[in-house]
PDB file of N, CA and C in Angstrom:
ATOM      1  N   MET A   1      11.393  -5.009  -3.037  1.00  0.00           N
ATOM      2  CA  MET A   1      10.870  -3.138  -2.797  1.00  0.00           C
ATOM      3  C   MET A   1      12.372  -2.362  -2.688  1.00  0.00           C
ATOM      4  N   LEU A   2      12.551  -2.176  -1.919  1.00  0.00           N
ATOM      5  CA  LEU A   2      13.629  -1.023  -1.184  1.00  0.00           C
ATOM      6  C   LEU A   2      14.143  -0.944  -2.267  1.00  0.00           C
ATOM      7  N   GLY A   3      14.859  -1.410  -3.114  1.00  0.00           N
ATOM      8  CA  GLY A   3      15.736  -1.478  -4.641  1.00  0.00           C
ATOM      9  C   GLY A   3      15.063  -1.439  -5.537  1.00  0.00           C
ATOM     10  N   GLY A   4      14.034  -1.825  -5.528  1.00  0.00           N
ATOM     11  CA  GLY A   4      12.604  -0.765  -7.167  1.00  0.00           C
ATOM     12  C   GLY A   4      13.157  -1.967  -8.246  1.00  0.00           C
ATOM     13  N   ASP A   5      13.457  -3.456  -7.311  1.00  0.00           N
ATOM     14  CA  ASP A   5      13.233  -4.506  -8.360  1.00  0.00           C
ATOM     15  C   ASP A   5      11.740  -4.929  -8.901  1.00  0.00           C
ATOM     16  N   SER A   6      11.909  -4.454 -10.037  1.00  0.00           N
ATOM     17  CA  SER A   6      10.239  -4.704 -10.245  1.00  0.00           C
ATOM     18  C   SER A   6      10.407  -6.175 -10.934  1.00  0.00           C
ATOM     19  N   SER A   7      11.178  -7.026 -11.273  1.00  0.00           N
ATOM     20  CA  SER A   7      11.576  -8.580 -12.164  1.00  0.00           C
ATOM     21  C   SER A   7      10.039  -8.982 -11.837  1.00  0.00           C
ATOM     22  N   GLY A   8       9.417  -8.970 -10.326  1.00  0.00           N
ATOM     23  CA  GLY A   8       8.984 -10.153  -9.825  1.00  0.00           C
ATOM     24  C   GLY A   8       7.661 -10.049 -10.504  1.00  0.00           C
ATOM     25  N   LEU A   9       7.594  -8.483 -10.959  1.00  0.00           N
ATOM     26  CA  LEU A   9       6.136  -7.912 -11.501  1.00  0.00           C
ATOM     27  C   LEU A   9       5.705  -8.789 -12.792  1.00  0.00           C
ATOM     28  N   GLN A  10       4.168  -8.937 -12.512  1.00  0.00           N
ATOM     29  CA  GLN A  10       3.386  -9.440 -14.148  1.00  0.00           C
ATOM     30  C   GLN A  10       2.484  -8.706 -14.354  1.00  0.00           C
ATOM     31  N   PRO A  11       2.731  -7.403 -14.940  1.00  0.00           N
ATOM     32  CA  PRO A  11       1.660  -6.946 -15.118  1.00  0.00           C
ATOM     33  C   PRO A  11       0.378  -7.243 -16.317  1.00  0.00           C
ATOM     34  N   ASP A  12       0.448  -8.431 -17.286  1.00  0.00           N
ATOM     35  CA  ASP A  12       0.065  -9.185 -17.883  1.00  0.00           C
ATOM     36  C   ASP A  12      -1.184  -9.847 -17.321  1.00  0.00           C
ATOM     37  N   VAL A  13      -0.738  -9.960 -16.047  1.00  0.00           N
ATOM     38  CA  VAL A  13      -1.975 -10.992 -15.653  1.00  0.00           C
ATOM     39  C   VAL A  13      -3.005 -10.610 -15.395  1.00  0.00           C
ATOM     40  N   ASP A  14      -3.945 -10.955 -15.630  1.00  0.00           N
ATOM     41  CA  ASP A  14      -5.508 -10.939 -15.468  1.00  0.00           C
ATOM     42  C   ASP A  14      -6.000 -11.199 -13.949  1.00  0.00           C
ATOM     43  N   CYS A  15      -6.159 -10.157 -13.265  1.00  0.00           N
ATOM     44  CA  CYS A  15      -6.950 -10.465 -12.406  1.00  0.00           C
ATOM     45  C   CYS A  15      -7.436  -9.041 -11.267  1.00  0.00           C
ATOM     46  N   PRO A  16      -8.006  -8.768 -12.418  1.00  0.00           N
ATOM     47  CA  PRO A  16      -8.973  -7.234 -12.091  1.00  0.00           C
ATOM     48  C   PRO A  16      -9.449  -7.072 -11.092  1.00  0.00           C
ATOM     49  N   ASN A  17     -10.568  -8.105 -10.038  1.00  0.00           N
ATOM     50  CA  ASN A  17     -11.060  -7.876  -8.956  1.00  0.00           C
ATOM     51  C   ASN A  17     -10.395  -8.087  -7.911  1.00  0.00           C
ATOM     52  N   ALA A  18      -9.416  -8.643  -7.651  1.00  0.00           N
ATOM     53  CA  ALA A  18      -8.746  -9.304  -6.746  1.00  0.00           C
ATOM     54  C   ALA A  18      -8.698  -8.374  -5.370  1.00  0.00           C
ATOM     55  N   LEU A  19      -8.540  -7.158  -5.095  1.00  0.00           N
ATOM     56  CA  LEU A  19      -9.281  -6.205  -4.185  1.00  0.00           C
ATOM     57  C   LEU A  19     -10.507  -6.436  -4.041  1.00  0.00           C
ATOM     58  N   ASP A  20     -11.235  -6.005  -4.611  1.00  0.00           N
ATOM     59  CA  ASP A  20     -11.998  -6.125  -4.263  1.00  0.00           C
ATOM     60  C   ASP A  20     -13.226  -7.876  -3.869  1.00  0.00           C
ATOM     61  N   ARG A  21     -12.918  -8.703  -4.133  1.00  0.00           N
ATOM     62  CA  ARG A  21     -12.928 -10.245  -3.566  1.00  0.00           C
ATOM     63  C   ARG A  21     -12.272 -10.101  -2.456  1.00  0.00           C
ATOM     64  N   ASN A  22     -11.519  -9.617  -2.239  1.00  0.00           N
ATOM     65  CA  ASN A  22     -10.408  -9.894  -0.831  1.00  0.00           C
ATOM     66  C   ASN A  22     -11.742  -9.161   0.212  1.00  0.00           C
ATOM     67  N   LEU A  23     -11.772  -7.822  -0.468  1.00  0.00           N
ATOM     68  CA  LEU A  23     -12.487  -6.958   0.794  1.00  0.00           C
ATOM     69  C   LEU A  23     -13.721  -7.363   1.159  1.00  0.00           C
ATOM     70  N   GLN A  24     -14.519  -8.199  -0.167  1.00  0.00           N
ATOM     71  CA  GLN A  24     -15.900  -8.857   0.358  1.00  0.00           C
ATOM     72  C   GLN A  24     -15.794  -9.423   1.669  1.00  0.00           C
ATOM     73  N   LEU A  25     -14.691 -10.629   1.087  1.00  0.00           N
ATOM     74  CA  LEU A  25     -14.081 -11.740   2.014  1.00  0.00           C
ATOM     75  C   LEU A  25     -14.231 -10.850   3.597  1.00  0.00           C
ATOM     76  N   ALA A  26     -13.679  -9.938   3.845  1.00  0.00           N
ATOM     77  CA  ALA A  26     -13.366  -9.067   4.950  1.00  0.00           C
ATOM     78  C   ALA A  26     -14.520  -8.647   5.739  1.00  0.00           C
ATOM     79  N   ARG A  27     -15.486  -8.110   4.728  1.00  0.00           N
ATOM     80  CA  ARG A  27     -16.372  -7.571   5.093  1.00  0.00           C
ATOM     81  C   ARG A  27     -17.780  -8.704   5.709  1.00  0.00           C
ATOM     82  N   ARG A  28     -17.506 -10.035   4.982  1.00  0.00           N
ATOM     83  CA  ARG A  28     -18.260 -11.150   5.678  1.00  0.00           C
ATOM     84  C   ARG A  28     -17.744 -11.380   6.631  1.00  0.00           C
ATOM     85  N   LEU A  29     -16.509 -11.969   7.051  1.00  0.00           N
ATOM     86  CA  LEU A  29     -16.378 -12.222   8.222  1.00  0.00           C
ATOM     87  C   LEU A  29     -16.075 -10.913   8.989  1.00  0.00           C
ATOM     88  N   GLN A  30     -16.078 -10.200   8.906  1.00  0.00           N
ATOM     89  CA  GLN A  30     -16.409  -9.167   9.641  1.00  0.00           C
ATOM     90  C   GLN A  30     -14.928  -8.532  10.291  1.00  0.00           C
ATOM     91  N   VAL A  31     -14.081  -8.918   9.535  1.00  0.00           N
ATOM     92  CA  VAL A  31     -12.352  -8.259   9.784  1.00  0.00           C
ATOM     93  C   VAL A  31     -12.121  -7.246   9.464  1.00  0.00           C
ATOM     94  N   GLY A  32     -12.368  -6.445  10.481  1.00  0.00           N
ATOM     95  CA  GLY A  32     -12.029  -4.916   9.964  1.00  0.00           C
ATOM     96  C   GLY A  32     -10.322  -4.003  10.525  1.00  0.00           C
ATOM     97  N   GLY A  33      -9.057  -5.253  10.537  1.00  0.00           N
ATOM     98  CA  GLY A  33      -7.728  -4.720  10.682  1.00  0.00           C
ATOM     99  C   GLY A  33      -7.125  -6.261  10.560  1.00  0.00           C
ATOM    100  N   THR A  34      -5.857  -5.694  10.456  1.00  0.00           N
ATOM    101  CA  THR A  34      -5.032  -7.460  10.373  1.00  0.00           C
ATOM    102  C   THR A  34      -4.222  -6.654  11.559  1.00  0.00           C
ATOM    103  N   PRO A  35      -3.183  -7.678  12.174  1.00  0.00           N
ATOM    104  CA  PRO A  35      -3.596  -9.269  12.110  1.00  0.00           C
ATOM    105  C   PRO A  35      -4.779  -9.997  12.589  1.00  0.00           C
ATOM    106  N   THR A  36      -5.655 -10.601  12.095  1.00  0.00           N
ATOM    107  CA  THR A  36      -6.617 -11.333  12.438  1.00  0.00           C
ATOM    108  C   THR A  36      -6.617 -13.048  12.262  1.00  0.00           C
ATOM    109  N   LEU A  37      -6.685 -13.535  13.248  1.00  0.00           N
ATOM    110  CA  LEU A  37      -6.491 -15.132  13.286  1.00  0.00           C
ATOM    111  C   LEU A  37      -7.925 -15.612  13.749  1.00  0.00           C
ATOM    112  N   PHE A  38      -8.284 -17.012  12.918  1.00  0.00           N
ATOM    113  CA  PHE A  38      -9.429 -17.504  12.956  1.00  0.00           C
ATOM    114  C   PHE A  38      -8.928 -19.009  13.672  1.00  0.00           C
ATOM    115  N   PHE A  39      -9.736 -19.372  14.134  1.00  0.00           N
ATOM    116  CA  PHE A  39      -9.546 -20.808  14.668  1.00  0.00           C
ATOM    117  C   PHE A  39     -10.703 -21.555  14.589  1.00  0.00           C
ATOM    118  N   ALA A  40     -10.739 -22.986  14.322  1.00  0.00           N
ATOM    119  CA  ALA A  40     -11.527 -24.143  14.050  1.00  0.00           C
ATOM    120  C   ALA A  40     -12.695 -23.970  14.682  1.00  0.00           C
ATOM    121  N   ASP A  41     -12.765 -23.525  15.804  1.00  0.00           N
ATOM    122  CA  ASP A  41     -14.043 -23.510  16.789  1.00  0.00           C
ATOM    123  C   ASP A  41     -14.608 -22.150  16.685  1.00  0.00           C
ATOM    124  N   GLY A  42     -14.356 -21.205  15.809  1.00  0.00           N
ATOM    125  CA  GLY A  42     -15.067 -19.787  15.169  1.00  0.00           C
ATOM    126  C   GLY A  42     -14.345 -18.890  16.273  1.00  0.00           C
ATOM    127  N   THR A  43     -13.321 -19.323  16.780  1.00  0.00           N
ATOM    128  CA  THR A  43     -13.136 -17.857  17.403  1.00  0.00           C
ATOM    129  C   THR A  43     -12.194 -16.783  17.146  1.00  0.00           C
ATOM    130  N   ARG A  44     -11.263 -16.063  17.382  1.00  0.00           N
ATOM    131  CA  ARG A  44     -10.477 -15.112  16.638  1.00  0.00           C
ATOM    132  C   ARG A  44      -9.647 -14.569  17.362  1.00  0.00           C
ATOM    133  N   PHE A  45      -8.672 -14.295  17.454  1.00  0.00           N
ATOM    134  CA  PHE A  45      -7.779 -13.181  18.579  1.00  0.00           C
ATOM    135  C   PHE A  45      -7.547 -12.099  16.336  1.00  0.00           C
ATOM    136  N   VAL A  46      -7.635 -10.034  17.473  1.00  0.00           N
ATOM    137  CA  VAL A  46      -8.086  -9.166  16.012  1.00  0.00           C
ATOM    138  C   VAL A  46      -6.601  -8.948  17.213  1.00  0.00           C
ATOM    139  N   GLY A  47      -5.719  -8.297  15.925  1.00  0.00           N
ATOM    140  CA  GLY A  47      -4.486  -7.471  16.403  1.00  0.00           C
ATOM    141  C   GLY A  47      -3.210  -8.113  16.857  1.00  0.00           C
ATOM    142  N   ALA A  48      -2.125  -7.864  17.396  1.00  0.00           N
ATOM    143  CA  ALA A  48      -1.218  -8.392  17.932  1.00  0.00           C
ATOM    144  C   ALA A  48      -1.655  -8.687  19.096  1.00  0.00           C
ATOM    145  N   VAL A  49      -0.336 -10.129  19.550  1.00  0.00           N
ATOM    146  CA  VAL A  49      -1.204 -11.382  20.056  1.00  0.00           C
ATOM    147  C   VAL A  49       0.118 -11.580  21.100  1.00  0.00           C
ATOM    148  N   GLU A  50       0.260 -11.618  21.871  1.00  0.00           N
ATOM    149  CA  GLU A  50       1.598 -12.168  22.822  1.00  0.00           C
ATOM    150  C   GLU A  50       1.613 -13.126  22.306  1.00  0.00           C
ATOM    151  N   ALA A  51       3.093 -13.660  22.131  1.00  0.00           N
ATOM    152  CA  ALA A  51       3.028 -15.468  21.427  1.00  0.00           C
ATOM    153  C   ALA A  51       3.126 -16.576  22.671  1.00  0.00           C
ATOM    154  N   SER A  52       2.924 -16.083  24.025  1.00  0.00           N
ATOM    155  CA  SER A  52       2.162 -16.778  25.034  1.00  0.00           C
ATOM    156  C   SER A  52       0.930 -16.913  24.642  1.00  0.00           C
ATOM    157  N   GLN A  53       0.126 -16.024  24.399  1.00  0.00           N
ATOM    158  CA  GLN A  53      -1.751 -16.429  24.493  1.00  0.00           C
ATOM    159  C   GLN A  53      -1.537 -17.234  23.221  1.00  0.00           C
ATOM    160  N   LEU A  54      -0.744 -17.122  22.314  1.00  0.00           N
ATOM    161  CA  LEU A  54      -1.393 -17.470  20.903  1.00  0.00           C
ATOM    162  C   LEU A  54      -1.148 -19.237  21.003  1.00  0.00           C
ATOM    163  N   ARG A  55       0.284 -19.221  21.980  1.00  0.00           N
ATOM    164  CA  ARG A  55       0.646 -20.952  22.542  1.00  0.00           C
ATOM    165  C   ARG A  55      -0.024 -21.300  23.345  1.00  0.00           C
ATOM    166  N   ALA A  56      -0.854 -20.831  23.987  1.00  0.00           N
ATOM    167  CA  ALA A  56      -1.566 -20.979  24.779  1.00  0.00           C
ATOM    168  C   ALA A  56      -3.363 -21.236  24.332  1.00  0.00           C
ATOM    169  N   ARG A  57      -3.311 -20.280  23.477  1.00  0.00           N
ATOM    170  CA  ARG A  57      -4.813 -20.639  22.093  1.00  0.00           C
ATOM    171  C   ARG A  57      -4.274 -21.887  21.206  1.00  0.00           C
ATOM    172  N   LEU A  58      -3.169 -22.145  21.030  1.00  0.00           N
ATOM    173  CA  LEU A  58      -2.929 -23.902  20.121  1.00  0.00           C
ATOM    174  C   LEU A  58      -3.109 -24.976  21.153  1.00  0.00           C
ATOM    175  N   ALA A  59      -2.344 -25.131  22.490  1.00  0.00           N
ATOM    176  CA  ALA A  59      -2.668 -25.827  22.994  1.00  0.00           C
ATOM    177  C   ALA A  59      -3.860 -26.363  23.254  1.00  0.00           C
ATOM    178  N   ALA A  60      -4.615 -25.218  23.801  1.00  0.00           N
ATOM    179  CA  ALA A  60      -6.182 -25.705  24.414  1.00  0.00           C
ATOM    180  C   ALA A  60      -6.574 -26.419  22.950  1.00  0.00           C
ATOM    181  N   ILE A  61      -6.413 -25.914  21.779  1.00  0.00           N
ATOM    182  CA  ILE A  61      -7.794 -26.847  20.600  1.00  0.00           C
ATOM    183  C   ILE A  61      -6.537 -28.330  19.923  1.00  0.00           C
ATOM    184  N   SER A  62      -5.712 -27.839  20.782  1.00  0.00           N
ATOM    185  CA  SER A  62      -4.529 -29.756  20.190  1.00  0.00           C
ATOM    186  C   SER A  62      -4.974 -30.465  21.241  1.00  0.00           C
ATOM    187  N   ALA A  63      -5.511 -29.815  22.415  1.00  0.00           N
ATOM    188  CA  ALA A  63      -6.183 -31.210  23.192  1.00  0.00           C
ATOM    189  C   ALA A  63      -7.388 -32.097  22.916  1.00  0.00           C
ATOM    190  N   PRO A  64      -7.074 -33.525  23.192  1.00  0.00           N
ATOM    191  CA  PRO A  64      -8.193 -34.369  22.383  1.00  0.00           C
ATOM    192  C   PRO A  64      -9.304 -33.765  22.665  1.00  0.00           C
ATOM    193  N   ALA A  65      -9.784 -32.866  24.215  1.00  0.00           N
ATOM    194  CA  ALA A  65     -10.819 -31.966  23.952  1.00  0.00           C
ATOM    195  C   ALA A  65     -11.175 -30.782  23.044  1.00  0.00           C
ATOM    196  N   GLY A  66      -9.808 -30.467  23.258  1.00  0.00           N
ATOM    197  CA  GLY A  66     -10.057 -29.186  21.913  1.00  0.00           C
ATOM    198  C   GLY A  66     -10.401 -29.375  20.701  1.00  0.00           C
ATOM    199  N   ILE A  67      -9.783 -30.283  20.311  1.00  0.00           N
ATOM    200  CA  ILE A  67      -9.849 -31.634  18.997  1.00  0.00           C
ATOM    201  C   ILE A  67     -11.099 -31.388  18.576  1.00  0.00           C
ATOM    202  N   ALA A  68     -11.978 -32.201  19.945  1.00  0.00           N
ATOM    203  CA  ALA A  68     -13.193 -32.700  19.145  1.00  0.00           C
ATOM    204  C   ALA A  68     -14.260 -31.552  19.224  1.00  0.00           C
ATOM    205  N   SER A  69     -13.817 -30.591  20.281  1.00  0.00           N
ATOM    206  CA  SER A  69     -15.477 -29.589  20.133  1.00  0.00           C
ATOM    207  C   SER A  69     -15.064 -28.957  18.514  1.00  0.00           C
ATOM    208  N   ALA A  70     -13.804 -28.599  18.032  1.00  0.00           N
ATOM    209  CA  ALA A  70     -13.287 -28.153  16.860  1.00  0.00           C
ATOM    210  C   ALA A  70     -13.879 -28.283  16.112  1.00  0.00           C
ATOM    211  N   ARG A  71     -13.875 -29.954  15.933  1.00  0.00           N
ATOM    212  CA  ARG A  71     -14.488 -31.133  15.141  1.00  0.00           C
ATOM    213  C   ARG A  71     -15.940 -30.231  14.456  1.00  0.00           C
ATOM    214  N   ALA A  72     -16.983 -30.985  16.018  1.00  0.00           N
ATOM    215  CA  ALA A  72     -18.066 -30.506  15.994  1.00  0.00           C
ATOM    216  C   ALA A  72     -18.446 -29.257  15.670  1.00  0.00           C
ATOM    217  N   VAL A  73     -17.899 -28.328  15.985  1.00  0.00           N
ATOM    218  CA  VAL A  73     -18.017 -26.884  15.491  1.00  0.00           C
ATOM    219  C   VAL A  73     -18.035 -27.059  13.922  1.00  0.00           C
ATOM    220  N   ASP A  74     -16.900 -27.495  13.524  1.00  0.00           N
ATOM    221  CA  ASP A  74     -16.647 -27.711  12.118  1.00  0.00           C
ATOM    222  C   ASP A  74     -17.871 -28.276  11.370  1.00  0.00           C
ATOM    223  N   GLN A  75     -18.573 -29.375  11.595  1.00  0.00           N
ATOM    224  CA  GLN A  75     -19.182 -29.945  11.535  1.00  0.00           C
ATOM    225  C   GLN A  75     -21.327 -29.525  11.433  1.00  0.00           C
ATOM    226  N   GLU A  76     -20.741 -28.764  12.197  1.00  0.00           N
ATOM    227  CA  GLU A  76     -22.077 -27.887  12.409  1.00  0.00           C
ATOM    228  C   GLU A  76     -21.995 -26.780  11.774  1.00  0.00           C
ATOM    229  N   LYS A  77     -21.108 -26.057  11.368  1.00  0.00           N
ATOM    230  CA  LYS A  77     -21.109 -25.062  10.040  1.00  0.00           C
ATOM    231  C   LYS A  77     -21.468 -25.902   8.401  1.00  0.00           C
ATOM    232  N   GLN A  78     -21.125 -26.917   8.480  1.00  0.00           N
ATOM    233  CA  GLN A  78     -21.663 -27.742   7.040  1.00  0.00           C
ATOM    234  C   GLN A  78     -22.767 -28.245   6.608  1.00  0.00           C
TER     235      GLN A  78
END
């Protein structure tokens, strides 16, 4: 981008509604900004998160009880 290299652009790609589709998804998921991280149990982090908080959250859902509860939530959603 800084050097003005447009060789990776593909102007003939047919994707007229990509932004609209992404905006609809963001509205449906109630995402109002980035970054937004979603976890399997339905919880989310909105905005910048300290690495220690993210590690703690990932460790909690990686524990056997966390895995089981995340799977149960996923099954309920189906």
